[in-house]
Protein backbone atom coordinates (compact mmCIF):
# COMPACT_ATOMS: atom_id res chain seq x y z
CA MET A 1 20.10 56.46 60.31
CA TYR A 2 21.99 54.63 63.04
CA SER A 3 18.88 52.55 63.72
CA GLU A 4 19.30 51.17 60.11
CA LEU A 5 22.94 50.27 61.13
CA LEU A 6 21.48 47.97 63.83
CA HIS A 7 18.82 46.69 61.50
CA ALA A 8 21.43 45.48 59.08
CA LEU A 9 23.14 43.36 61.69
CA PRO A 10 21.05 40.25 61.60
CA GLU A 11 21.47 39.94 57.89
CA VAL A 12 25.20 40.05 58.12
CA LEU A 13 25.18 37.28 60.76
CA THR A 14 23.65 34.70 58.28
CA PHE A 15 25.68 31.80 57.53
CA ALA A 16 26.54 32.67 53.91
CA ASN A 17 27.47 36.38 54.75
CA PHE A 18 29.47 35.54 57.74
CA MET A 19 31.28 32.72 55.93
CA ALA A 20 32.14 35.08 53.21
CA VAL A 21 34.02 37.30 55.73
CA ILE A 22 35.89 34.30 57.12
CA VAL A 23 36.96 32.97 53.81
CA GLY A 24 37.92 36.52 52.68
CA VAL A 25 40.09 37.05 55.75
CA VAL A 26 41.93 33.61 55.22
CA ALA A 27 42.46 34.34 51.51
CA GLY A 28 43.52 37.90 52.26
CA ILE A 29 46.28 36.73 54.79
CA VAL A 30 47.50 34.20 52.09
CA VAL A 31 47.73 37.02 49.48
CA GLY A 32 49.31 39.36 51.79
CA ALA A 33 51.90 36.84 52.85
CA MET A 34 53.12 36.37 49.22
CA PRO A 35 55.53 39.06 48.30
CA GLY A 36 54.49 40.87 45.12
CA LEU A 37 50.73 40.22 45.58
CA SER A 38 48.42 42.86 47.13
CA ALA A 39 44.85 43.37 48.31
CA THR A 40 44.25 45.46 45.19
CA MET A 41 45.14 42.68 42.86
CA ALA A 42 43.41 39.98 44.89
CA ILE A 43 40.05 41.91 44.92
CA SER A 44 40.63 42.76 41.11
CA VAL A 45 40.72 39.04 40.44
CA LEU A 46 37.95 38.28 42.65
CA VAL A 47 35.41 40.77 41.37
CA PRO A 48 34.53 38.94 38.18
CA PHE A 49 33.62 35.83 40.26
CA THR A 50 31.07 37.66 42.35
CA PHE A 51 28.49 38.16 39.54
CA GLY A 52 26.30 35.31 40.73
CA MET A 53 26.57 36.18 44.34
CA SER A 54 24.35 38.32 46.48
CA PRO A 55 25.84 41.87 47.09
CA LEU A 56 26.55 41.20 50.77
CA VAL A 57 28.31 37.90 50.17
CA ALA A 58 30.67 39.55 47.46
CA LEU A 59 31.23 42.72 49.71
CA GLY A 60 31.96 40.33 52.67
CA LEU A 61 34.65 38.63 50.59
CA MET A 62 36.16 41.93 49.60
CA ALA A 63 36.04 43.36 53.18
CA GLY A 64 37.73 40.07 54.62
CA ILE A 65 40.41 40.07 51.88
CA TYR A 66 41.28 43.80 52.50
CA ASN A 67 41.50 43.19 56.17
CA GLY A 68 43.49 39.91 55.77
CA ALA A 69 45.87 41.21 53.24
CA MET A 70 46.87 44.28 55.28
CA TYR A 71 47.96 42.03 58.04
CA GLY A 72 49.35 39.23 55.84
CA GLY A 73 52.02 41.66 54.47
CA ALA A 74 53.65 41.63 57.90
CA ILE A 75 54.51 37.89 57.54
CA PRO A 76 57.24 38.22 54.94
CA ALA A 77 58.20 41.83 56.29
CA VAL A 78 59.03 40.05 59.57
CA LEU A 79 60.41 36.85 58.39
CA LEU A 80 62.31 37.86 55.10
CA ARG A 81 62.56 41.67 55.36
CA ILE A 82 60.32 41.80 52.21
CA PRO A 83 57.13 43.70 52.62
CA GLY A 84 54.28 41.51 51.40
CA THR A 85 52.24 44.72 50.66
CA PRO A 86 53.55 48.20 50.20
CA ALA A 87 51.97 49.34 53.53
CA ALA A 88 54.17 46.78 55.35
CA VAL A 89 57.37 48.52 54.53
CA ALA A 90 57.58 50.12 58.02
CA THR A 91 56.98 46.78 59.61
CA THR A 92 60.43 45.62 58.43
CA PHE A 93 62.28 48.16 60.30
CA ASP A 94 61.80 46.36 63.72
CA GLY A 95 60.03 43.17 62.69
CA TYR A 96 62.98 41.58 60.92
CA PRO A 97 65.49 42.39 63.60
CA MET A 98 63.09 40.70 66.14
CA ALA A 99 62.96 37.55 63.89
CA GLN A 100 66.78 37.54 63.82
CA LYS A 101 66.72 37.48 67.63
CA GLY A 102 64.45 34.50 67.80
CA GLN A 103 61.31 36.75 68.55
CA GLY A 104 59.70 36.45 65.13
CA GLY A 105 56.60 34.79 66.65
CA PHE A 106 56.02 37.52 69.18
CA ALA A 107 56.64 40.15 66.30
CA LEU A 108 53.94 38.37 64.26
CA GLN A 109 51.52 38.19 67.36
CA VAL A 110 52.10 42.02 67.96
CA ALA A 111 51.37 42.64 64.26
CA VAL A 112 48.10 40.68 64.31
CA VAL A 113 46.80 42.22 67.56
CA SER A 114 47.77 45.68 66.32
CA SER A 115 46.29 45.03 62.80
CA SER A 116 42.96 43.96 64.53
CA ILE A 117 42.86 47.06 66.70
CA GLY A 118 43.53 49.45 63.80
CA GLY A 119 40.91 47.53 61.67
CA ILE A 120 38.41 47.82 64.47
CA ALA A 121 38.99 51.48 65.04
CA SER A 122 38.69 52.10 61.26
CA ALA A 123 35.37 50.17 60.92
CA ILE A 124 33.88 52.17 63.90
CA ALA A 125 35.04 55.37 62.20
CA LEU A 126 33.16 54.29 59.02
CA MET A 127 30.02 53.52 61.02
CA VAL A 128 30.06 56.87 62.81
CA LEU A 129 31.19 59.20 60.12
CA ALA A 130 29.64 58.02 56.85
CA PRO A 131 25.91 58.20 57.72
CA PRO A 132 25.96 61.91 58.71
CA LEU A 133 28.20 62.75 55.79
CA SER A 134 25.90 60.94 53.34
CA ARG A 135 22.81 62.87 54.66
CA VAL A 136 24.57 66.16 54.06
CA THR A 137 25.45 65.19 50.45
CA LEU A 138 21.79 64.27 49.80
CA LEU A 139 21.28 68.02 49.45
CA PHE A 140 23.50 68.17 46.48
CA GLY A 141 21.98 68.82 42.97
CA PRO A 142 23.43 68.08 39.54
CA SER A 143 25.86 71.06 39.56
CA GLU A 144 27.06 70.23 43.00
CA VAL A 145 27.58 66.60 42.18
CA PHE A 146 29.56 67.57 39.07
CA TRP A 147 31.95 69.64 41.17
CA VAL A 148 32.29 66.89 43.63
CA ALA A 149 33.41 64.65 40.77
CA ILE A 150 35.82 67.22 39.67
CA PHE A 151 37.12 67.57 43.16
CA GLY A 152 37.61 63.85 43.36
CA LEU A 153 39.57 63.81 40.28
CA ALA A 154 41.80 66.82 41.33
CA SER A 155 42.24 65.24 44.78
CA ILE A 156 43.55 61.92 43.44
CA ILE A 157 45.86 63.65 40.83
CA PHE A 158 47.43 66.34 42.98
CA LEU A 159 47.42 64.71 46.43
CA LEU A 160 48.77 61.47 45.36
CA GLY A 161 52.24 62.64 45.40
CA GLY A 162 54.76 62.24 42.58
CA ASN A 163 54.38 63.98 39.24
CA PRO A 164 50.95 65.75 38.95
CA VAL A 165 51.38 65.87 35.21
CA LYS A 166 51.57 62.00 35.11
CA GLY A 167 48.45 61.93 37.46
CA LEU A 168 46.65 64.21 35.14
CA ILE A 169 47.37 62.08 32.16
CA SER A 170 46.30 58.93 33.95
CA ALA A 171 42.94 60.62 34.94
CA CYS A 172 42.47 61.77 31.40
CA PHE A 173 43.10 58.28 30.17
CA GLY A 174 40.42 57.00 32.58
CA VAL A 175 37.89 59.62 31.54
CA PHE A 176 38.53 58.84 27.96
CA VAL A 177 37.74 55.11 28.58
CA SER A 178 34.50 56.29 30.40
CA VAL A 179 33.09 57.90 27.24
CA ILE A 180 33.62 54.89 25.01
CA GLY A 181 30.34 53.55 23.82
CA SER A 182 26.95 55.00 23.01
CA ASP A 183 26.17 58.59 23.99
CA PRO A 184 23.63 58.36 26.77
CA ILE A 185 21.42 61.17 25.38
CA PHE A 186 21.83 61.01 21.44
CA GLY A 187 22.87 57.44 21.07
CA ASN A 188 25.86 58.10 18.77
CA ASP A 189 28.75 55.80 18.70
CA ARG A 190 31.93 57.21 20.56
CA PHE A 191 35.35 55.77 20.04
CA THR A 192 33.99 52.25 19.37
CA PHE A 193 36.29 51.84 16.27
CA GLY A 194 33.48 49.95 14.63
CA GLN A 195 33.54 47.14 17.36
CA LEU A 196 30.01 46.07 18.35
CA GLU A 197 31.34 44.75 21.67
CA MET A 198 32.23 48.31 22.71
CA LEU A 199 28.75 49.78 22.10
CA ASP A 200 27.93 49.21 25.83
CA GLY A 201 31.18 50.77 27.03
CA ILE A 202 34.20 49.28 28.76
CA ASN A 203 33.22 47.05 31.76
CA ILE A 204 35.07 48.32 34.80
CA VAL A 205 36.00 44.90 35.78
CA ILE A 206 38.05 44.34 32.53
CA LEU A 207 39.94 47.58 33.28
CA LEU A 208 40.56 46.70 37.00
CA VAL A 209 41.80 43.25 36.30
CA GLY A 210 44.06 44.39 33.44
CA LEU A 211 45.56 47.40 35.25
CA TYR A 212 45.91 46.01 38.77
CA ALA A 213 46.22 42.24 38.47
CA LEU A 214 48.42 41.63 35.28
CA PRO A 215 51.43 44.00 36.00
CA PRO A 216 52.09 42.55 39.52
CA VAL A 217 51.94 38.98 38.11
CA ILE A 218 54.45 39.84 35.34
CA ASP A 219 56.78 41.32 38.05
CA LEU A 220 56.15 38.16 39.95
CA LEU A 221 57.48 36.04 37.16
CA GLU A 222 60.38 38.29 36.25
CA VAL A 223 62.01 38.48 39.71
CA PRO A 224 62.95 35.30 41.44
CA LEU A 225 62.62 35.25 45.24
CA LYS A 226 66.09 35.18 46.71
CA THR A 227 66.20 35.78 50.51
CA ASP A 228 68.25 35.01 53.50
CA GLY A 229 65.19 35.03 55.58
CA VAL A 230 64.28 33.42 58.97
CA ASN A 231 63.21 29.74 58.90
CA GLY A 232 59.57 29.65 59.61
CA SER A 233 59.99 26.59 61.95
CA LYS A 234 62.20 28.64 64.34
CA LEU A 235 59.98 31.51 65.16
CA GLY A 236 59.89 31.08 68.93
CA THR A 237 56.12 31.15 69.09
CA GLU A 238 53.84 30.98 72.09
CA PRO A 239 50.01 31.06 72.46
CA ILE A 240 48.84 34.47 71.65
CA TRP A 241 46.81 34.63 74.92
CA ARG A 242 50.15 34.32 76.79
CA ALA A 243 51.61 37.14 74.69
CA LEU A 244 48.84 39.60 75.21
CA PRO A 245 49.95 40.83 78.75
CA ARG A 246 53.27 41.79 77.27
CA MET A 247 51.45 44.13 74.93
CA LYS A 248 49.63 46.21 77.34
CA ARG A 249 52.23 48.95 77.25
CA PHE A 250 51.39 49.59 73.62
CA TRP A 251 47.98 51.16 74.47
CA LYS A 252 49.06 54.71 73.67
CA THR A 253 50.58 53.72 70.41
CA TRP A 254 47.48 51.84 69.45
CA ILE A 255 45.34 54.91 70.07
CA ARG A 256 47.76 57.39 68.33
CA SER A 257 48.31 55.16 65.39
CA SER A 258 44.54 54.43 64.97
CA ILE A 259 43.84 58.16 64.93
CA ILE A 260 46.57 58.71 62.39
CA GLY A 261 45.47 55.81 60.20
CA ILE A 262 41.89 56.91 60.12
CA TRP A 263 42.87 60.47 59.23
CA ILE A 264 45.19 59.44 56.31
CA GLY A 265 42.63 56.90 55.14
CA ILE A 266 40.08 59.66 54.57
CA LEU A 267 42.40 61.73 52.55
CA PRO A 268 42.09 60.87 48.97
CA GLY A 269 45.41 59.09 47.55
CA ALA A 270 47.26 58.82 50.82
CA GLY A 271 47.06 55.15 51.70
CA GLY A 272 48.39 52.80 54.17
CA SER A 273 52.08 53.35 53.44
CA MET A 274 51.88 57.07 54.47
CA ALA A 275 49.86 56.20 57.58
CA ALA A 276 52.52 53.47 58.70
CA PHE A 277 55.45 55.77 58.16
CA MET A 278 53.86 58.73 59.89
CA SER A 279 52.63 56.60 62.74
CA TYR A 280 56.15 54.88 63.05
CA ASN A 281 57.80 58.32 63.24
CA GLU A 282 55.30 59.74 65.75
CA ALA A 283 55.65 56.66 67.95
CA ARG A 284 59.44 56.83 67.74
CA ARG A 285 59.42 60.49 68.75
CA ALA A 286 57.28 59.89 71.67
CA SER A 287 59.20 56.93 72.94
CA ARG A 288 61.47 57.08 75.97
CA THR A 289 64.07 54.84 74.33
CA PRO A 290 64.13 55.96 70.64
CA ASP A 291 67.66 54.54 70.29
CA THR A 292 66.28 50.83 70.42
CA TRP A 293 64.09 51.51 67.31
CA GLY A 294 65.25 49.82 64.39
CA ASN A 295 66.88 47.09 66.32
CA GLY A 296 63.99 45.04 67.23
CA GLU A 297 61.48 47.22 69.14
CA PRO A 298 58.00 45.59 69.31
CA GLU A 299 56.36 48.97 69.69
CA GLY A 300 57.68 49.87 66.16
CA VAL A 301 55.74 46.80 64.75
CA ALA A 302 52.64 47.87 66.70
CA ALA A 303 52.80 51.52 65.38
CA ALA A 304 53.19 50.49 61.78
CA GLU A 305 50.57 47.73 61.72
CA THR A 306 47.94 49.60 63.60
CA ALA A 307 48.17 52.55 61.19
CA ASN A 308 48.11 50.67 58.01
CA ASN A 309 45.13 48.66 59.02
CA ALA A 310 43.32 51.80 60.54
CA ASP A 311 43.06 53.31 57.01
CA THR A 312 41.20 50.34 55.40
CA ALA A 313 37.52 51.05 56.29
CA SER A 314 38.13 54.82 56.76
CA ALA A 315 39.31 55.05 53.16
CA LEU A 316 35.64 54.07 52.29
CA ILE A 317 34.12 57.01 54.06
CA PRO A 318 34.58 59.45 50.98
CA ALA A 319 34.21 56.47 48.68
CA LEU A 320 30.74 55.40 49.86
CA THR A 321 29.38 59.00 50.45
CA LEU A 322 31.02 61.08 47.68
CA GLY A 323 32.26 58.38 45.21
CA ILE A 324 35.89 59.57 45.95
CA PRO A 325 38.03 56.52 47.12
CA GLY A 326 40.86 57.14 49.53
CA THR A 327 43.01 54.22 48.23
CA ALA A 328 43.55 52.16 45.17
CA VAL A 329 41.72 49.29 47.01
CA ALA A 330 38.80 51.55 47.79
CA ALA A 331 38.69 52.35 43.99
CA VAL A 332 38.57 48.70 43.11
CA MET A 333 35.75 48.15 45.68
CA LEU A 334 33.81 50.94 44.09
CA GLY A 335 34.05 48.94 40.87
CA GLY A 336 32.72 45.93 42.86
CA LEU A 337 29.73 47.98 44.02
CA LEU A 338 28.96 49.20 40.55
CA ILE A 339 28.80 45.67 39.00
CA HIS A 340 26.24 44.78 41.55
CA GLY A 341 24.10 47.77 40.54
CA LEU A 342 25.12 49.91 43.62
CA GLN A 343 26.11 53.56 42.67
CA PRO A 344 28.43 54.99 45.25
CA GLY A 345 27.28 58.43 46.56
CA PRO A 346 24.62 59.81 48.80
CA MET A 347 21.79 57.82 47.30
CA LEU A 348 23.37 54.64 48.20
CA PHE A 349 22.39 55.07 51.90
CA ARG A 350 18.80 55.83 50.97
CA GLU A 351 18.33 53.08 48.37
CA ASN A 352 20.33 50.23 49.74
CA PRO A 353 20.73 50.87 53.56
CA ASP A 354 20.88 47.14 54.46
CA ILE A 355 23.73 46.41 51.98
CA VAL A 356 26.00 49.43 52.77
CA PHE A 357 25.44 49.15 56.65
CA GLY A 358 25.98 45.55 56.35
CA PHE A 359 29.20 46.07 54.59
CA MET A 360 30.30 48.24 57.51
CA TRP A 361 29.64 45.38 59.97
CA GLN A 362 31.51 42.91 57.69
CA PHE A 363 34.60 45.26 58.02
CA LEU A 364 34.28 45.15 61.79
CA PHE A 365 33.80 41.32 61.90
CA GLY A 366 36.80 40.99 59.52
CA ALA A 367 39.05 43.05 61.83
CA ILE A 368 37.94 41.04 64.85
CA LEU A 369 38.40 37.72 63.06
CA LEU A 370 42.18 38.74 62.23
CA VAL A 371 43.25 37.67 65.81
CA LEU A 372 41.29 34.37 65.72
CA LEU A 373 42.50 33.41 62.28
CA GLY A 374 45.88 35.19 61.80
CA GLY A 375 47.02 34.56 65.33
CA SER A 376 46.79 30.86 65.26
CA LEU A 377 47.48 30.27 61.54
CA ALA A 378 50.10 32.85 60.50
CA THR A 379 53.12 31.51 62.41
CA ASN A 380 52.30 27.90 61.57
CA SER A 381 50.69 27.67 58.12
CA PHE A 382 50.95 30.97 56.21
CA ALA A 383 54.64 31.55 56.85
CA ARG A 384 55.29 28.32 54.83
CA LEU A 385 53.51 29.88 51.75
CA LEU A 386 56.67 31.88 51.25
CA ASN A 387 58.25 28.48 49.90
CA LEU A 388 55.84 28.34 46.91
CA PRO A 389 57.58 28.66 43.57
CA ARG A 390 56.74 32.05 42.04
CA PRO A 391 56.07 30.63 38.53
CA LEU A 392 53.51 28.28 39.94
CA LEU A 393 51.89 31.10 41.81
CA GLY A 394 51.89 33.46 38.73
CA SER A 395 50.49 30.91 36.50
CA VAL A 396 47.54 30.10 38.81
CA ILE A 397 46.67 33.81 39.07
CA ILE A 398 46.81 34.34 35.24
CA VAL A 399 44.37 31.36 34.72
CA LEU A 400 42.00 32.84 37.36
CA MET A 401 42.21 36.17 35.63
CA LEU A 402 41.33 34.79 32.17
CA ILE A 403 38.47 32.69 33.49
CA GLY A 404 37.06 35.51 35.46
CA VAL A 405 37.15 37.97 32.58
CA TYR A 406 35.77 35.42 30.09
CA SER A 407 32.79 34.73 32.25
CA ILE A 408 31.49 38.30 32.34
CA HIS A 409 30.07 38.02 28.81
CA GLY A 410 31.37 34.72 27.45
CA ARG A 411 33.48 36.22 24.76
CA MET A 412 37.18 36.35 23.91
CA PHE A 413 37.04 40.13 23.06
CA ASP A 414 36.95 40.86 26.72
CA VAL A 415 40.11 38.81 27.39
CA TYR A 416 41.95 40.50 24.53
CA LEU A 417 40.77 43.92 25.91
CA MET A 418 42.01 42.88 29.47
CA LEU A 419 45.39 41.89 28.13
CA LEU A 420 45.52 45.26 26.32
CA PHE A 421 44.80 47.10 29.56
CA GLY A 422 47.25 44.88 31.30
CA ALA A 423 50.00 45.87 28.78
CA ILE A 424 49.08 49.54 29.24
CA GLY A 425 49.11 49.12 33.01
CA TYR A 426 52.51 47.48 32.94
CA VAL A 427 53.93 50.27 30.85
CA MET A 428 52.37 52.91 33.11
CA ASP A 429 53.78 51.05 36.21
CA LYS A 430 57.24 51.15 34.78
CA LEU A 431 57.13 54.76 33.71
CA LYS A 432 55.78 55.67 37.18
CA PHE A 433 52.22 56.82 36.15
CA PRO A 434 49.81 56.43 39.02
CA LEU A 435 46.99 53.83 38.41
CA PRO A 436 44.36 55.00 40.90
CA PRO A 437 43.56 58.16 38.66
CA VAL A 438 42.69 55.88 35.83
CA VAL A 439 40.13 53.93 37.89
CA LEU A 440 38.70 57.12 39.37
CA GLY A 441 38.55 58.70 35.90
CA LEU A 442 36.54 55.67 34.61
CA ILE A 443 34.13 55.86 37.56
CA LEU A 444 33.74 59.63 37.85
CA GLY A 445 34.07 60.54 34.22
CA GLY A 446 30.69 59.32 33.19
CA PHE A 447 29.24 60.47 36.43
CA ALA A 448 30.47 64.07 35.89
CA GLU A 449 29.31 64.11 32.22
CA GLU A 450 25.89 62.98 33.16
CA ASN A 451 25.46 65.64 35.96
CA LEU A 452 27.05 68.33 33.80
CA ARG A 453 24.63 67.77 30.97
CA LEU A 454 21.72 67.55 33.39
CA ALA A 455 22.74 70.87 35.11
CA LEU A 456 23.00 72.56 31.65
CA ARG A 457 19.69 71.31 30.51
CA ILE A 458 18.13 72.67 33.81
CA GLY A 459 19.75 76.02 33.33
CA ARG A 460 18.97 75.99 29.42
CA GLY A 461 22.49 76.01 28.34
CA ASP A 462 23.62 78.71 30.72
CA TRP A 463 26.98 77.70 32.19
CA SER A 464 26.59 80.12 35.09
CA ILE A 465 24.27 77.52 36.71
CA LEU A 466 27.37 75.62 37.74
CA PHE A 467 28.34 78.54 40.04
CA ALA A 468 24.73 79.63 41.13
CA ASN A 469 24.89 78.63 44.78
CA VAL A 470 27.21 78.72 47.80
CA THR A 471 27.80 74.97 47.96
CA SER A 472 29.07 74.80 44.39
CA LEU A 473 31.40 77.85 45.10
CA VAL A 474 32.84 76.12 48.16
CA ILE A 475 33.47 72.93 46.36
CA VAL A 476 35.17 74.93 43.44
CA ALA A 477 37.29 76.73 46.06
CA LEU A 478 38.33 73.41 47.59
CA THR A 479 39.11 72.12 44.14
CA VAL A 480 41.35 75.17 43.30
CA ALA A 481 43.05 74.77 46.67
CA VAL A 482 43.82 71.23 45.94
CA ILE A 483 45.33 72.12 42.65
CA VAL A 484 47.29 75.16 43.70
CA GLY A 485 48.20 74.04 47.18
CA PRO A 486 50.89 71.53 46.17
CA MET A 487 52.36 73.83 43.58
CA ILE A 488 52.86 76.62 46.18
CA LYS A 489 54.37 74.12 48.55
CA ARG A 490 56.87 72.95 45.90
CA LEU A 491 57.81 76.54 45.02
CA LEU A 492 58.40 77.36 48.64
CA SER A 493 60.44 74.20 49.06
CA LYS A 494 62.65 75.27 46.07
CA ASP A 495 63.03 78.81 47.33
CA GLY A 496 64.20 77.43 50.78
CA LYS A 497 66.72 75.13 49.07
CA THR A 498 67.97 77.94 46.88
CA ALA A 499 68.44 80.07 50.01
CA GLU A 500 70.33 77.45 51.77
CA GLY A 501 72.58 76.95 48.78
CA ASN A 502 73.42 80.68 48.75
């Protein structure tokens, strides 16, 4: 299977596919540099515009945006103490104090080099771990695939953190949306409410744009940007090749943080924020001078930025092989795969090896290009993007959203539906309902239904076929552990607090 990985390399190096990665990285840095915008929102807006592109060009843009945005979030984090992306929160701890000392340029250079190293490690992990895992999952039948889908939903609900009940409600909403349309076996209308446009079901792009792109834009227009940040023209920059020798001492932090980021990325629902905080805490604990942390320690920037980029490609390991995304961005990328006729799961590696392995190479090249593009441009050009008026930025994004959704089928009904999902997403966001379970419910809902009905047809209606082999029982046990584990942990923590109170 690794020979197919090498076979996909020449296709990625064609002009169109490689340019897509370059454009994606630049666009991602721009998006990440704007507080309130995120890689999830950028890819959600992009997806409708990729219909006419070849799959590798579209995926190259997504891979580039993902890599670029994760680093771009460090720019306002360092200059303004405002994380451009949620994963850049830990970067503010030492990045902003460095900027106040006139070391903002060096802080951004540490961030871009560390982001590149984390991204490269993550891409290599994707290349090494995904192919053998996909080969194992090829042995799964309908009952096993059904339980994998249930495990994916349980993982995103109960491991996401926060309120499991809200996670369950979000997932159920996603599953409900997945069954809208015609019954795949009997052809009956389901929840179409008499609308002919809904007979084919809800297009995942409409849901993604509504849920992930509209609420951040509303927040962008609601909250004016008021900062006492550092002037972008007084960063104290120097050529990045001169700064590299001063970063040699971070090599242990880079290795440790890359491992933490990869591990967190594989876990469903964890994400770059958890990776950055864990990495920062571990690096500070291992430091000989922990008292300097929080006052402008460059190693703190290195730890945070390495980890939050090391979870990018690794989050796609369960997404590509099992259809279980590790992060919200991975869930949106699954939607991008689906609109190009690529079904995430074990068959993806057998039926479309050039595309899936090419996608892995694009992630690797995107991480490498960060140093070349981000290192030279971030401190000069992208830092000035922070001066753009928020109303102008929000208006441009809304126009792109409307054009993109309308272009799917050329009808206003899709635009109204997107606005409805946007309103729902905005309310869910304000009420702290997690959004990733909705997307996963939409993706896995129909997948689980199809395999459940197929398994029951094979078993002639006997439900015991779902528990007929060891693989199914193992997955059921893991699902139960995912559900029960957090509950037990919460009970133990409550008992511990009660004991301390007494």
